Protein backbone atom coordinates (compact mmCIF):
# COMPACT_ATOMS: atom_id res chain seq x y z
CA UNK A 1 -6.60 113.58 -189.17
CA UNK A 2 -8.11 113.95 -185.83
CA UNK A 3 -5.96 113.06 -182.59
CA UNK A 4 -7.28 110.11 -180.56
CA UNK A 5 -7.42 111.26 -176.83
CA UNK A 6 -8.21 109.50 -173.81
CA UNK A 7 -11.12 112.08 -173.06
CA UNK A 8 -14.62 110.84 -173.44
CA UNK A 9 -17.87 112.09 -173.07
CA UNK A 10 -20.32 110.69 -170.12
CA UNK A 11 -23.75 111.33 -169.18
CA UNK A 12 -24.44 111.46 -165.39
CA UNK A 13 -28.01 110.70 -164.18
CA UNK A 14 -29.76 111.39 -160.84
CA UNK A 15 -30.14 108.29 -158.57
CA UNK A 16 -32.63 109.91 -156.16
CA UNK A 17 -34.97 111.00 -158.87
CA UNK A 18 -36.01 107.55 -159.94
CA UNK A 19 -37.11 106.64 -156.34
CA UNK A 20 -39.31 109.88 -156.06
CA UNK A 21 -41.89 108.93 -158.26
CA UNK A 22 -41.89 112.47 -160.04
CA UNK A 23 -42.02 112.79 -163.93
CA UNK A 24 -38.95 113.50 -165.93
CA UNK A 25 -34.96 112.77 -165.35
CA UNK A 26 -31.86 114.88 -164.25
CA UNK A 27 -28.88 114.47 -166.56
CA UNK A 28 -25.81 116.23 -167.00
CA UNK A 29 -23.29 115.75 -169.91
CA UNK A 30 -19.62 116.09 -169.05
CA UNK A 31 -16.17 114.68 -169.97
CA UNK A 32 -13.52 112.59 -168.20
CA UNK A 33 -10.14 111.23 -168.78
CA UNK A 34 -10.63 107.39 -169.39
CA UNK A 35 -6.76 106.66 -168.42
CA UNK A 36 -6.95 108.51 -165.14
CA UNK A 37 -10.70 107.56 -164.18
CA UNK A 38 -11.24 104.08 -164.86
CA UNK A 39 -14.47 103.64 -162.75
CA UNK A 40 -17.62 105.41 -163.05
CA UNK A 41 -18.09 109.09 -161.89
CA UNK A 42 -20.08 109.95 -159.22
CA UNK A 43 -20.77 113.56 -158.57
CA UNK A 44 -23.02 115.93 -156.58
CA UNK A 45 -24.95 118.14 -158.79
CA UNK A 46 -28.22 120.06 -158.73
CA UNK A 47 -31.47 118.43 -159.59
CA UNK A 48 -33.99 121.28 -160.79
CA UNK A 49 -37.00 118.97 -160.29
CA UNK A 50 -36.11 117.88 -156.53
CA UNK A 51 -34.92 121.43 -156.06
CA UNK A 52 -31.78 120.08 -154.12
CA UNK A 53 -28.08 118.89 -154.49
CA UNK A 54 -28.18 115.06 -155.34
CA UNK A 55 -25.72 112.27 -156.23
CA UNK A 56 -25.56 111.68 -160.14
CA UNK A 57 -23.83 108.53 -161.47
CA UNK A 58 -22.35 107.76 -164.85
CA UNK A 59 -24.55 105.70 -167.00
CA UNK A 60 -23.77 103.61 -170.06
């Protein structure tokens, strides 16, 4: 039987890309420990469409 853990997969989406008006989306998939990080993740990641580092927030 599979072990139940606190690690869950989350999707990070760019916040600046929505306002830019350019087509497409910048998303990253990562994991987080639900027990240690109860609030939503917010990381600076590279957006290849805008070609710069932007803030990506957890969605869903």
